[in-house]
N, C-alpha and C. Protein backbone atom coordinates (compact mmCIF):
# COMPACT_ATOMS: atom_id res chain seq x y z
N TYR A 1 0.86 -1.11 0.03
CA TYR A 1 -0.04 0.02 -0.03
C TYR A 1 0.91 1.24 0.04
N GLY A 2 0.40 2.24 -0.59
CA GLY A 2 1.13 3.48 -0.58
C GLY A 2 0.20 4.69 -1.04
N TYR A 3 0.80 5.78 -0.85
CA TYR A 3 -0.12 7.00 -1.07
C TYR A 3 0.73 7.82 -2.10
N ASP A 4 -0.07 8.51 -3.01
CA ASP A 4 0.39 9.46 -3.89
C ASP A 4 -0.04 10.76 -3.26
N LEU A 5 0.95 11.31 -2.41
CA LEU A 5 0.71 12.51 -1.63
C LEU A 5 0.68 13.85 -2.40
N PRO A 6 -0.25 14.73 -2.06
CA PRO A 6 -0.23 16.08 -2.67
C PRO A 6 1.18 16.75 -2.29
N THR A 7 1.46 17.68 -2.92
CA THR A 7 2.72 18.52 -2.58
C THR A 7 2.57 19.47 -1.42
N ALA A 8 1.25 19.98 -1.22
CA ALA A 8 0.99 20.95 -0.28
C ALA A 8 0.84 20.23 1.09
N GLU A 9 1.23 20.92 2.20
CA GLU A 9 1.16 20.52 3.54
C GLU A 9 -0.30 20.39 3.92
N PRO A 10 -0.81 19.24 4.56
CA PRO A 10 -2.11 19.22 4.93
C PRO A 10 -2.47 20.19 6.17
N GLU A 11 -3.76 20.57 6.14
CA GLU A 11 -4.14 21.51 7.25
C GLU A 11 -4.31 20.75 8.63
N VAL A 12 -4.61 19.48 8.49
CA VAL A 12 -5.04 18.66 9.72
C VAL A 12 -4.33 17.28 9.66
N TYR A 13 -3.99 16.94 10.80
CA TYR A 13 -3.39 15.52 10.91
C TYR A 13 -4.14 14.86 12.00
N TYR A 14 -4.33 13.50 11.91
CA TYR A 14 -5.19 12.61 12.83
C TYR A 14 -4.31 11.64 13.38
N ASP A 15 -4.47 11.50 14.74
CA ASP A 15 -3.76 10.41 15.48
C ASP A 15 -4.69 9.16 15.37
N VAL A 16 -4.24 8.13 14.61
CA VAL A 16 -5.15 6.94 14.35
C VAL A 16 -4.79 5.96 15.37
N LEU A 17 -5.81 5.38 16.19
CA LEU A 17 -5.67 4.27 17.04
C LEU A 17 -5.84 3.02 16.38
N PHE A 18 -5.05 2.05 16.45
CA PHE A 18 -5.14 0.66 15.94
C PHE A 18 -5.54 -0.20 17.02
N ASN A 19 -6.13 -1.39 16.57
CA ASN A 19 -6.69 -2.37 17.56
C ASN A 19 -5.52 -2.92 18.51
N ASN A 20 -4.28 -2.81 18.17
CA ASN A 20 -3.29 -3.35 19.11
C ASN A 20 -2.89 -2.24 20.17
N GLY A 21 -3.52 -1.08 20.07
CA GLY A 21 -3.29 0.10 21.02
C GLY A 21 -2.29 1.04 20.53
N ASN A 22 -1.59 0.81 19.47
CA ASN A 22 -0.66 1.73 18.89
C ASN A 22 -1.36 2.82 18.21
N THR A 23 -0.74 4.10 18.17
CA THR A 23 -1.31 5.17 17.48
C THR A 23 -0.30 5.60 16.39
N MET A 24 -0.67 6.17 15.24
CA MET A 24 0.28 6.69 14.27
C MET A 24 -0.45 8.07 13.82
N LEU A 25 0.31 8.95 13.43
CA LEU A 25 -0.16 10.26 12.99
C LEU A 25 -0.25 10.23 11.43
N TYR A 26 -1.46 10.61 10.89
CA TYR A 26 -1.65 10.60 9.47
C TYR A 26 -2.18 11.98 8.99
N PRO A 27 -1.85 12.45 7.82
CA PRO A 27 -2.47 13.65 7.29
C PRO A 27 -3.86 13.36 6.88
N SER A 28 -4.72 14.35 6.82
CA SER A 28 -6.15 14.18 6.56
C SER A 28 -6.39 13.47 5.28
N TYR A 29 -5.61 13.65 4.22
CA TYR A 29 -5.93 13.06 3.09
C TYR A 29 -5.54 11.57 2.94
N CYS A 30 -5.05 10.92 3.99
CA CYS A 30 -4.71 9.66 4.07
C CYS A 30 -5.71 8.78 5.00
N VAL A 31 -6.66 9.51 5.55
CA VAL A 31 -7.62 8.96 6.51
C VAL A 31 -8.94 8.74 5.79
N LEU A 32 -9.53 7.44 5.86
CA LEU A 32 -10.75 7.23 5.20
C LEU A 32 -11.99 7.90 5.97
N THR A 33 -12.80 8.39 5.30
CA THR A 33 -14.01 8.91 5.77
C THR A 33 -15.15 8.00 6.13
N ALA A 34 -14.89 6.72 5.63
CA ALA A 34 -15.99 5.79 5.77
C ALA A 34 -15.30 4.37 5.98
N ASN A 35 -15.95 3.30 6.33
CA ASN A 35 -15.38 2.08 6.35
C ASN A 35 -14.97 1.68 5.08
N PRO A 36 -13.68 0.91 4.94
CA PRO A 36 -13.27 0.43 3.67
C PRO A 36 -14.18 -0.57 3.01
N GLN A 37 -14.22 -0.71 1.78
CA GLN A 37 -14.95 -1.66 1.03
C GLN A 37 -14.13 -2.91 0.97
N VAL A 38 -14.64 -4.10 1.40
CA VAL A 38 -13.89 -5.32 1.41
C VAL A 38 -14.20 -6.01 -0.01
N LEU A 39 -13.16 -6.38 -0.72
CA LEU A 39 -13.25 -7.05 -1.98
C LEU A 39 -12.74 -8.48 -1.83
N GLN A 40 -13.53 -9.28 -2.24
CA GLN A 40 -13.12 -10.80 -2.20
C GLN A 40 -12.32 -11.10 -3.37
N ILE A 41 -11.11 -11.64 -3.18
CA ILE A 41 -10.29 -12.16 -4.35
C ILE A 41 -9.85 -13.54 -4.02
N ARG A 42 -10.01 -14.37 -4.97
CA ARG A 42 -9.60 -15.68 -4.81
C ARG A 42 -8.08 -15.89 -4.88
N ALA A 43 -7.46 -16.73 -4.23
CA ALA A 43 -6.09 -16.85 -4.18
C ALA A 43 -5.45 -17.06 -5.57
N ASN A 44 -6.05 -17.89 -6.42
CA ASN A 44 -5.35 -18.07 -7.64
C ASN A 44 -6.13 -17.43 -8.87
N SER A 45 -6.83 -16.25 -8.58
CA SER A 45 -7.54 -15.53 -9.59
C SER A 45 -6.53 -14.83 -10.51
N ALA A 46 -7.02 -14.61 -11.74
CA ALA A 46 -6.15 -13.76 -12.69
C ALA A 46 -5.82 -12.35 -12.17
N PRO A 47 -6.92 -11.62 -11.69
CA PRO A 47 -6.54 -10.26 -11.20
C PRO A 47 -5.38 -10.37 -10.18
N LEU A 48 -5.51 -11.26 -9.19
CA LEU A 48 -4.48 -11.36 -8.08
C LEU A 48 -3.08 -11.63 -8.72
N LYS A 49 -3.03 -12.69 -9.64
CA LYS A 49 -1.77 -13.07 -10.31
C LYS A 49 -1.23 -11.84 -11.10
N GLU A 50 -2.05 -11.09 -11.79
CA GLU A 50 -1.52 -9.88 -12.52
C GLU A 50 -1.05 -8.83 -11.57
N ALA A 51 -1.87 -8.66 -10.51
CA ALA A 51 -1.37 -7.53 -9.50
C ALA A 51 0.03 -7.95 -8.98
N LEU A 52 0.14 -9.14 -8.65
CA LEU A 52 1.34 -9.70 -7.95
C LEU A 52 2.45 -9.63 -8.97
N ALA A 53 2.29 -9.99 -10.17
CA ALA A 53 3.32 -9.88 -11.28
C ALA A 53 3.73 -8.36 -11.46
N LEU A 54 2.83 -7.50 -11.54
CA LEU A 54 3.09 -6.04 -11.70
C LEU A 54 3.92 -5.56 -10.35
N PHE A 55 3.54 -5.91 -9.29
CA PHE A 55 4.22 -5.50 -8.11
C PHE A 55 5.70 -6.03 -8.02
N LEU A 56 5.87 -7.31 -8.40
CA LEU A 56 7.27 -7.88 -8.40
C LEU A 56 8.14 -7.20 -9.51
N LYS A 57 7.51 -6.90 -10.66
CA LYS A 57 8.27 -6.17 -11.70
C LYS A 57 8.58 -4.73 -11.32
N SER A 58 7.73 -4.14 -10.63
CA SER A 58 7.94 -2.81 -10.17
C SER A 58 8.99 -2.86 -9.06
N PHE A 59 9.10 -3.84 -8.20
CA PHE A 59 9.97 -3.91 -7.08
C PHE A 59 11.46 -4.21 -7.68
N LYS A 60 11.40 -5.13 -8.73
CA LYS A 60 12.75 -5.41 -9.30
C LYS A 60 13.40 -4.17 -10.19
N ASP A 61 12.34 -3.51 -10.75
CA ASP A 61 12.88 -2.31 -11.65
C ASP A 61 13.31 -1.18 -10.76
N ALA A 62 12.79 -0.98 -9.52
CA ALA A 62 12.98 0.16 -8.64
C ALA A 62 14.51 0.21 -8.09
N GLU A 63 15.09 -1.00 -8.18
CA GLU A 63 16.52 -1.22 -7.65
C GLU A 63 16.63 -0.38 -6.19
N ILE A 64 15.82 -0.84 -5.27
CA ILE A 64 15.95 -0.20 -3.96
C ILE A 64 17.04 -0.47 -3.14
N VAL A 65 17.69 0.48 -2.59
CA VAL A 65 19.03 0.23 -1.82
C VAL A 65 18.70 0.75 -0.30
N VAL A 66 19.09 -0.16 0.62
CA VAL A 66 18.92 0.07 2.03
C VAL A 66 20.26 -0.09 2.77
N CYS A 67 20.66 0.91 3.35
CA CYS A 67 21.89 0.80 4.09
C CYS A 67 23.06 0.31 3.05
N GLY A 68 23.02 0.80 1.90
CA GLY A 68 24.05 0.43 0.91
C GLY A 68 23.87 -0.95 0.28
N THR A 69 22.86 -1.70 0.57
CA THR A 69 22.56 -2.96 0.06
C THR A 69 21.31 -2.94 -0.87
N LYS A 70 21.65 -3.55 -2.03
CA LYS A 70 20.46 -3.44 -3.05
C LYS A 70 19.56 -4.72 -2.58
N LEU A 71 18.28 -4.33 -2.49
CA LEU A 71 17.29 -5.35 -2.18
C LEU A 71 16.96 -6.16 -3.36
N SER A 72 16.72 -7.53 -3.18
CA SER A 72 16.31 -8.33 -4.18
C SER A 72 15.43 -9.51 -3.73
N ARG A 73 14.73 -10.16 -4.57
CA ARG A 73 13.86 -11.23 -4.08
C ARG A 73 14.49 -12.47 -4.43
N ILE A 74 14.19 -13.37 -3.64
CA ILE A 74 14.74 -14.71 -3.66
C ILE A 74 13.67 -15.67 -4.22
N GLU A 75 13.99 -16.38 -5.26
CA GLU A 75 13.05 -17.36 -5.92
C GLU A 75 12.70 -18.40 -4.90
N LYS A 76 11.51 -18.77 -4.75
CA LYS A 76 11.13 -19.85 -3.98
C LYS A 76 11.07 -21.17 -4.70
N ASN A 77 11.75 -22.21 -4.22
CA ASN A 77 11.65 -23.47 -4.98
C ASN A 77 10.16 -24.07 -4.90
N ALA A 78 9.55 -24.66 -5.95
CA ALA A 78 8.26 -25.04 -5.93
C ALA A 78 8.37 -26.51 -5.30
């Protein structure tokens, strides 16, 4: 999950309380004004496979570096 944040600073921030008791501060444009809509996706459905393939390609193409080490994925043996 991620946010495409506006460039302007928000006027309001919300302290969001999670079920585990932790709180995190979020700008107003990142907080839902209603309950999220739950979508049922089957584990082996075409949309899920396409979304995962796109995510993995984006991850690989991003060449993310953390503490000087390039992140990579490890292929899982079937």
